[in-house]
Amino acid sequence: MTKILVVDDDSHALRLIEFALTKAGYEVITATRGEEGLQKAFQSPPHLAIIDLMMPQMDGYEVCRRLRQNERTAEIPIMVFTARIQEIDRQTALEAGANEFLTKTATPNELVSKVKELLAKSAPAPGVEVTPGQITTLFSLRGGAGVSSIAVNLATALAQQPNQKVALLDLCFSSSSVPLMLNVRPTLSLVELAKEDTTISLSVLEKYMVAHPSGVKVLPLVLSMARVAPISAKTVESVLSVLKNGFNHVIVDTSSSLDDMTLAALTHSDQIILVLVPEVVSVQAAIVTLQAFRSLGVSEEAIVPIVNRTFAQDGLSTETIQNALKRPIKAMIPHEPELLIQAINSGTPLTLSQPATAMATAIRKLASVLSPS
């Protein structure tokens, strides 16, 4: 039976809420103080929590924050049910971790209806398997290989497949361009999250993500190129672990260096797309990268070399590249610079704006290979 925790110091209100929810078929656990409610929640996590705001000793805002900070309750839906009606109260409650804000002017039927909505949103959609997901990191030790463009187009191509939840993690510290390529305007980033003393959970991460119309959710590293310190490898590992359990696909864009953030992503990936361009320096960089992968214990099967043809002619042949790498090239991305520039400038990836082009077709084919059957 679905279990709901109700925390309210008003015994009359508590009885009314309990009666309405019990009548609707829910198991109700009650508490009259914030500390008591937290103790019961941590001991046996409920499916949903209903929290009053104005309580002695510990108010509802703090109860929300502590529920979000504890691993056992970090993902449960939280409804604030309060007599306070000011917009500042609603905003503060949402910032503290509440999913819904409902005033006590609502009828019992309206309360039950909101509870049903929240529970439905928290349940996996029919046919959608979101655990575990697949982490795919794109990397090139040679700059200018078009890693970000491929990452953005690959993410949107995967999002077009049925019942796929896709996250795009931007770890490109030197030149964060993913938000620009998707024409999204994030207001928070991983740099801000890393400064917070909070448990990283899916509900926390989603506050730092921005949704693209394609369905892709973008988690940016930085908001501007102002001088900031990189986040730790431990934070990257925690973020990837949470995203893997909340999305079918996690696409990771990286810088052209084996820094701590990139290494954390590479060593925790299910697949690594090694991006080359058809010229000698890029191939040599790829050989060095493969040697580094071996020393890191990266599985040979996890590495997916692809060639991005960033220039029209005189490039190395596929056969020459394969012989140098001693492994097959899994995909060839055609050269379509004008269309790609238009797509970048418009903030609409080719897989959405020009789906019939050769480049978009090649990336969709790559997406179908990467996507589990």
Protein backbone atom coordinates (compact mmCIF):
# COMPACT_ATOMS: atom_id res chain seq x y z
CA MET A 1 0.00 0.00 0.00
CA THR A 2 1.18 3.53 -0.82
CA LYS A 3 2.45 5.18 2.35
CA ILE A 4 2.13 8.92 2.97
CA LEU A 5 3.81 10.84 5.79
CA VAL A 6 1.93 13.90 7.10
CA VAL A 7 3.74 16.36 9.39
CA ASP A 8 1.56 19.07 10.94
CA ASP A 9 1.45 20.49 14.49
CA ASP A 10 -2.27 21.32 14.15
CA SER A 11 -4.03 18.18 15.45
CA HIS A 12 -7.35 19.17 13.85
CA ALA A 13 -5.76 19.61 10.42
CA LEU A 14 -3.80 16.39 10.90
CA ARG A 15 -6.99 14.39 11.55
CA LEU A 16 -8.76 15.88 8.50
CA ILE A 17 -5.82 15.10 6.21
CA GLU A 18 -5.47 11.59 7.60
CA PHE A 19 -9.20 10.93 7.13
CA ALA A 20 -9.20 12.16 3.50
CA LEU A 21 -6.11 10.15 2.54
CA THR A 22 -7.18 6.98 4.35
CA LYS A 23 -10.57 7.18 2.62
CA ALA A 24 -8.70 7.42 -0.71
CA GLY A 25 -6.89 4.16 0.06
CA TYR A 26 -3.53 5.37 1.34
CA GLU A 27 -1.63 4.30 4.45
CA VAL A 28 -1.02 7.45 6.51
CA ILE A 29 1.82 8.03 8.99
CA THR A 30 1.48 11.19 11.09
CA ALA A 31 3.84 13.39 13.08
CA THR A 32 3.21 16.62 14.98
CA ARG A 33 6.81 17.89 14.98
CA GLY A 34 9.46 18.23 12.31
CA GLU A 35 12.01 16.09 14.17
CA GLU A 36 9.44 13.33 14.68
CA GLY A 37 8.50 13.40 11.01
CA LEU A 38 12.14 13.12 9.92
CA GLN A 39 12.76 10.22 12.29
CA LYS A 40 9.80 8.30 10.87
CA ALA A 41 10.76 9.15 7.27
CA PHE A 42 14.36 8.00 7.65
CA GLN A 43 13.33 4.84 9.47
CA SER A 44 10.78 3.81 6.84
CA PRO A 45 10.73 6.13 3.79
CA PRO A 46 7.21 7.03 2.63
CA HIS A 47 6.08 7.24 -0.99
CA LEU A 48 5.16 10.92 -0.45
CA ALA A 49 5.39 13.53 2.33
CA ILE A 50 2.93 16.32 3.17
CA ILE A 51 4.55 19.03 5.28
CA ASP A 52 3.11 22.04 7.10
CA LEU A 53 5.32 25.13 7.16
CA MET A 54 4.75 26.82 10.50
CA MET A 55 5.77 24.38 13.24
CA PRO A 56 7.69 24.94 16.48
CA GLN A 57 11.42 24.15 16.82
CA MET A 58 11.82 23.04 13.19
CA ASP A 59 9.74 24.64 10.45
CA GLY A 60 8.59 22.92 7.27
CA TYR A 61 11.30 24.51 5.14
CA GLU A 62 13.99 22.80 7.20
CA VAL A 63 12.09 19.50 7.12
CA CYS A 64 12.07 19.68 3.30
CA ARG A 65 15.78 20.43 3.17
CA ARG A 66 16.67 17.51 5.45
CA LEU A 67 14.48 15.10 3.52
CA ARG A 68 16.32 16.09 0.35
CA GLN A 69 19.74 15.77 2.01
CA ASN A 70 19.18 12.18 3.18
CA GLU A 71 19.83 9.45 0.61
CA ARG A 72 16.80 7.40 1.75
CA THR A 73 14.33 10.25 1.21
CA ALA A 74 16.07 12.42 -1.40
CA GLU A 75 13.75 11.37 -4.24
CA ILE A 76 10.33 11.23 -2.56
CA PRO A 77 7.70 13.77 -3.70
CA ILE A 78 7.08 16.51 -1.13
CA MET A 79 3.91 18.60 -0.90
CA VAL A 80 3.86 21.67 1.32
CA PHE A 81 0.32 22.10 2.70
CA THR A 82 0.07 25.39 4.56
CA ALA A 83 -2.15 28.26 5.62
CA ARG A 84 0.46 30.70 4.29
CA ILE A 85 -0.50 32.14 0.90
CA GLN A 86 2.28 34.57 -0.03
CA GLU A 87 4.32 34.00 -3.19
CA ILE A 88 7.55 34.26 -1.17
CA ASP A 89 6.38 31.28 0.92
CA ARG A 90 5.74 29.21 -2.20
CA GLN A 91 9.10 30.14 -3.73
CA THR A 92 11.02 29.41 -0.51
CA ALA A 93 9.29 26.04 -0.15
CA LEU A 94 10.18 25.04 -3.72
CA GLU A 95 13.78 26.13 -3.20
CA ALA A 96 13.89 24.02 -0.04
CA GLY A 97 12.96 20.94 -2.07
CA ALA A 98 9.16 20.81 -2.23
CA ASN A 99 7.57 19.58 -5.45
CA GLU A 100 4.14 21.11 -4.81
CA PHE A 101 2.76 24.02 -2.79
CA LEU A 102 -0.91 23.87 -1.77
CA THR A 103 -2.75 26.21 0.59
CA LYS A 104 -5.17 24.98 3.23
CA THR A 105 -8.01 26.70 1.43
CA ALA A 106 -8.03 23.57 -0.79
CA THR A 107 -10.79 21.01 -0.27
CA PRO A 108 -10.03 17.41 0.80
CA ASN A 109 -10.82 16.28 -2.75
CA GLU A 110 -8.36 18.80 -4.17
CA LEU A 111 -5.70 17.60 -1.73
CA VAL A 112 -6.22 13.96 -2.72
CA SER A 113 -6.16 14.92 -6.41
CA LYS A 114 -2.78 16.68 -5.98
CA VAL A 115 -1.41 13.69 -4.09
CA LYS A 116 -2.41 11.41 -6.97
CA GLU A 117 -0.76 13.75 -9.49
CA LEU A 118 2.51 13.84 -7.54
CA LEU A 119 2.61 10.06 -7.12
CA ALA A 120 1.90 9.58 -10.83
CA LYS A 121 4.74 11.93 -11.77
CA SER A 122 7.18 10.11 -9.49
CA ALA A 123 6.31 6.68 -10.90
CA PRO A 124 8.13 5.44 -14.05
CA ALA A 125 6.03 5.83 -17.19
CA PRO A 126 4.72 2.56 -18.67
CA GLY A 127 7.28 0.97 -20.96
CA VAL A 128 10.11 3.26 -19.84
CA GLU A 129 13.10 1.50 -18.32
CA VAL A 130 15.26 4.14 -16.67
CA THR A 131 17.46 1.97 -14.44
CA PRO A 132 20.22 1.45 -15.14
CA GLY A 133 20.98 3.85 -17.93
CA GLN A 134 23.97 4.05 -20.23
CA ILE A 135 26.77 6.61 -19.95
CA THR A 136 28.41 7.55 -23.25
CA THR A 137 31.34 9.97 -23.13
CA LEU A 138 32.69 11.70 -26.24
CA PHE A 139 36.38 12.55 -26.24
CA SER A 140 39.21 13.72 -28.46
CA LEU A 141 42.70 14.63 -27.31
CA ARG A 142 42.95 16.68 -30.49
CA GLY A 143 41.02 19.95 -30.21
CA GLY A 144 38.70 21.07 -32.97
CA ALA A 145 37.40 17.58 -33.74
CA GLY A 146 33.76 18.64 -33.34
CA VAL A 147 33.12 16.69 -30.12
CA SER A 148 30.50 19.12 -28.79
CA SER A 149 28.57 19.21 -32.09
CA ILE A 150 28.41 15.43 -32.22
CA ALA A 151 27.44 15.21 -28.53
CA VAL A 152 24.55 17.64 -29.00
CA ASN A 153 23.26 15.95 -32.15
CA LEU A 154 23.67 12.48 -30.67
CA ALA A 155 21.69 13.46 -27.56
CA THR A 156 18.82 14.89 -29.60
CA ALA A 157 18.84 11.85 -31.92
CA LEU A 158 18.54 9.52 -28.92
CA ALA A 159 15.75 11.65 -27.46
CA GLN A 160 13.72 11.11 -30.65
CA GLN A 161 13.66 7.36 -30.05
CA PRO A 162 10.54 6.04 -28.27
CA ASN A 163 10.47 6.15 -24.46
CA GLN A 164 14.01 7.47 -24.03
CA LYS A 165 15.05 9.89 -21.28
CA VAL A 166 18.30 11.62 -22.24
CA ALA A 167 20.64 13.79 -20.16
CA LEU A 168 23.46 15.82 -21.69
CA LEU A 169 26.26 16.54 -19.23
CA ASP A 170 28.57 19.37 -20.25
CA LEU A 171 32.07 18.79 -18.85
CA CYS A 172 33.85 20.91 -21.42
CA PHE A 173 35.57 23.25 -18.98
CA SER A 174 37.64 25.20 -21.50
CA SER A 175 34.84 26.19 -23.89
CA SER A 176 31.36 25.30 -22.71
CA SER A 177 29.27 25.58 -25.90
CA VAL A 178 26.50 23.00 -25.38
CA PRO A 179 23.92 25.54 -24.07
CA LEU A 180 24.60 27.82 -27.04
CA MET A 181 24.24 24.99 -29.55
CA LEU A 182 20.86 24.12 -28.07
CA ASN A 183 19.79 27.74 -27.50
CA VAL A 184 19.00 27.13 -23.83
CA ARG A 185 19.59 29.57 -20.98
CA PRO A 186 20.60 27.77 -17.78
CA THR A 187 20.50 29.73 -14.55
CA LEU A 188 22.49 27.22 -12.47
CA SER A 189 25.46 24.96 -13.15
CA LEU A 190 27.60 22.22 -11.64
CA VAL A 191 30.07 24.79 -10.37
CA GLU A 192 27.34 26.22 -8.12
CA LEU A 193 26.21 22.73 -7.08
CA ALA A 194 29.77 21.77 -6.09
CA LYS A 195 29.80 24.67 -3.62
CA GLU A 196 26.65 23.44 -1.88
CA ASP A 197 26.85 21.14 1.13
CA THR A 198 24.11 18.81 -0.04
CA THR A 199 23.60 15.18 -1.02
CA ILE A 200 23.47 14.87 -4.79
CA SER A 201 20.16 13.31 -5.81
CA LEU A 202 18.09 13.31 -8.98
CA SER A 203 15.69 15.90 -7.59
CA VAL A 204 18.64 18.13 -6.71
CA LEU A 205 20.27 17.71 -10.13
CA GLU A 206 17.06 18.48 -11.98
CA LYS A 207 17.05 21.93 -10.39
CA TYR A 208 20.39 22.56 -12.10
CA MET A 209 19.30 21.12 -15.46
CA VAL A 210 17.53 22.95 -18.25
CA ALA A 211 15.09 21.18 -20.57
CA HIS A 212 15.39 21.44 -24.35
CA PRO A 213 12.23 21.09 -26.51
CA SER A 214 13.62 17.81 -27.90
CA GLY A 215 13.30 16.28 -24.43
CA VAL A 216 17.04 16.39 -23.69
CA LYS A 217 17.89 17.75 -20.25
CA VAL A 218 21.16 19.70 -20.16
CA LEU A 219 23.37 19.90 -17.08
CA PRO A 220 25.93 22.69 -17.70
CA LEU A 221 29.33 22.86 -16.07
CA VAL A 222 29.63 26.66 -15.93
CA LEU A 223 27.39 29.62 -16.75
CA SER A 224 30.15 31.80 -18.14
CA MET A 225 33.79 31.53 -19.04
CA ALA A 226 34.77 33.57 -16.00
CA ARG A 227 37.72 32.09 -14.15
CA VAL A 228 36.42 29.36 -11.84
CA ALA A 229 37.96 26.24 -10.38
CA PRO A 230 37.12 22.84 -11.92
CA ILE A 231 34.84 20.59 -9.91
CA SER A 232 36.29 17.50 -8.27
CA ALA A 233 36.39 14.03 -9.78
CA LYS A 234 34.34 12.81 -6.80
CA THR A 235 31.55 15.24 -7.67
CA VAL A 236 31.60 14.09 -11.31
CA GLU A 237 31.37 10.47 -10.19
CA SER A 238 28.42 11.22 -7.91
CA VAL A 239 26.61 13.16 -10.63
CA LEU A 240 27.11 10.38 -13.18
CA SER A 241 25.90 7.74 -10.74
CA VAL A 242 22.67 9.64 -10.08
CA LEU A 243 22.08 10.46 -13.77
CA LYS A 244 22.65 6.84 -14.74
CA ASN A 245 19.80 5.81 -12.45
CA GLY A 246 17.46 8.52 -13.72
CA PHE A 247 17.97 8.48 -17.48
CA ASN A 248 18.19 5.89 -20.25
CA HIS A 249 21.14 7.73 -21.80
CA VAL A 250 23.71 10.11 -20.32
CA ILE A 251 25.78 11.82 -23.03
CA VAL A 252 28.94 13.52 -21.74
CA ASP A 253 30.78 16.27 -23.61
CA THR A 254 34.42 16.70 -22.56
CA SER A 255 37.45 18.93 -23.02
CA SER A 256 40.47 17.92 -25.08
CA SER A 257 42.56 17.02 -22.04
CA LEU A 258 42.82 14.14 -19.62
CA ASP A 259 42.06 16.26 -16.57
CA ASP A 260 40.48 14.87 -13.40
CA MET A 261 36.92 15.64 -14.49
CA THR A 262 37.38 13.97 -17.88
CA LEU A 263 39.14 10.95 -16.39
CA ALA A 264 36.27 10.50 -13.93
CA ALA A 265 33.79 10.51 -16.81
CA LEU A 266 35.86 8.17 -18.99
CA THR A 267 36.43 5.58 -16.27
CA HIS A 268 32.73 5.53 -15.33
CA SER A 269 31.40 5.29 -18.89
CA ASP A 270 29.72 2.32 -20.50
CA GLN A 271 30.89 3.55 -23.91
CA ILE A 272 33.52 6.04 -25.06
CA ILE A 273 33.19 7.64 -28.47
CA LEU A 274 36.73 8.47 -29.55
CA VAL A 275 36.41 11.25 -32.15
CA LEU A 276 39.06 11.68 -34.84
CA VAL A 277 39.46 13.89 -37.87
CA PRO A 278 41.20 12.40 -40.93
CA GLU A 279 44.66 13.93 -40.45
CA VAL A 280 47.94 12.70 -39.00
CA VAL A 281 48.00 14.74 -35.77
CA SER A 282 44.51 13.58 -34.82
CA VAL A 283 45.37 9.95 -35.50
CA GLN A 284 48.55 10.24 -33.42
CA ALA A 285 46.53 11.81 -30.58
CA ALA A 286 44.06 8.93 -30.81
CA ILE A 287 46.89 6.39 -30.53
CA VAL A 288 48.16 8.15 -27.38
CA THR A 289 44.59 8.18 -26.04
CA LEU A 290 44.17 4.44 -26.61
CA GLN A 291 47.40 3.82 -24.71
CA ALA A 292 46.06 5.95 -21.84
CA PHE A 293 42.78 4.02 -21.89
CA ARG A 294 44.66 0.74 -21.53
CA SER A 295 46.58 2.05 -18.54
CA LEU A 296 43.27 3.14 -16.97
CA GLY A 297 41.81 -0.31 -17.45
CA VAL A 298 39.14 0.83 -19.92
CA SER A 299 37.52 -2.11 -21.67
CA GLU A 300 38.45 -2.47 -25.35
CA GLU A 301 34.79 -3.18 -26.16
CA ALA A 302 33.76 0.14 -24.63
CA ILE A 303 35.75 2.23 -27.13
CA VAL A 304 33.90 3.37 -30.27
CA PRO A 305 36.24 5.19 -32.71
CA ILE A 306 34.51 7.47 -35.21
CA VAL A 307 35.83 9.87 -37.85
CA ASN A 308 34.37 13.34 -38.19
CA ARG A 309 35.24 14.70 -41.64
CA THR A 310 35.79 18.34 -40.76
CA PHE A 311 37.28 19.19 -44.15
CA ALA A 312 36.23 18.34 -47.70
CA GLN A 313 39.20 16.59 -49.27
CA ASP A 314 42.80 15.35 -48.96
CA GLY A 315 42.07 13.62 -45.67
CA LEU A 316 43.49 10.27 -44.67
CA SER A 317 41.55 7.26 -45.93
CA THR A 318 39.47 5.15 -43.56
CA GLU A 319 41.74 2.19 -44.26
CA THR A 320 44.85 4.18 -43.29
CA ILE A 321 43.25 5.32 -40.03
CA GLN A 322 42.09 1.81 -39.15
CA ASN A 323 45.54 0.37 -39.81
CA ALA A 324 47.14 3.00 -37.59
CA LEU A 325 44.67 2.40 -34.74
CA LYS A 326 44.59 -1.36 -35.26
CA ARG A 327 40.82 -1.30 -34.85
CA PRO A 328 37.79 -0.57 -37.06
CA ILE A 329 36.13 2.80 -37.41
CA LYS A 330 32.51 2.46 -36.27
CA ALA A 331 31.06 5.57 -37.95
CA MET A 332 31.94 8.22 -40.51
CA ILE A 333 30.39 11.68 -40.07
CA PRO A 334 30.15 13.45 -43.47
CA HIS A 335 31.50 16.92 -44.17
CA GLU A 336 28.63 19.46 -44.22
CA PRO A 337 30.11 22.69 -42.84
CA GLU A 338 27.54 25.21 -44.09
CA LEU A 339 24.58 23.29 -42.71
CA LEU A 340 26.39 22.67 -39.44
CA ILE A 341 27.23 26.37 -39.01
CA GLN A 342 23.60 27.29 -39.71
CA ALA A 343 22.47 24.77 -37.11
CA ILE A 344 24.91 26.09 -34.50
CA ASN A 345 23.98 29.72 -35.16
CA SER A 346 20.25 28.95 -34.94
CA GLY A 347 20.62 26.84 -31.81
CA THR A 348 18.82 23.91 -33.46
CA PRO A 349 20.87 20.72 -34.04
CA LEU A 350 20.96 19.21 -37.53
CA THR A 351 19.15 16.09 -36.30
CA LEU A 352 16.15 18.37 -35.67
CA SER A 353 16.47 21.16 -38.24
CA GLN A 354 17.79 19.10 -41.20
CA PRO A 355 17.06 15.45 -40.36
CA ALA A 356 17.43 14.27 -43.97
CA THR A 357 21.02 15.52 -44.37
CA ALA A 358 23.89 13.07 -44.57
CA MET A 359 25.40 14.21 -41.28
CA ALA A 360 22.11 13.92 -39.37
CA THR A 361 21.48 10.51 -40.90
CA ALA A 362 24.94 9.30 -39.88
CA ILE A 363 24.44 10.47 -36.31
CA ARG A 364 21.01 8.83 -36.06
CA LYS A 365 22.61 5.61 -37.29
CA LEU A 366 25.27 5.96 -34.59
CA ALA A 367 22.51 6.57 -32.02
CA SER A 368 20.74 3.37 -33.07
CA VAL A 369 23.96 1.42 -32.60
CA LEU A 370 24.55 2.89 -29.14
CA SER A 371 20.98 2.51 -27.94
CA PRO A 372 20.33 -0.81 -26.16
CA SER A 373 17.77 -2.99 -27.86
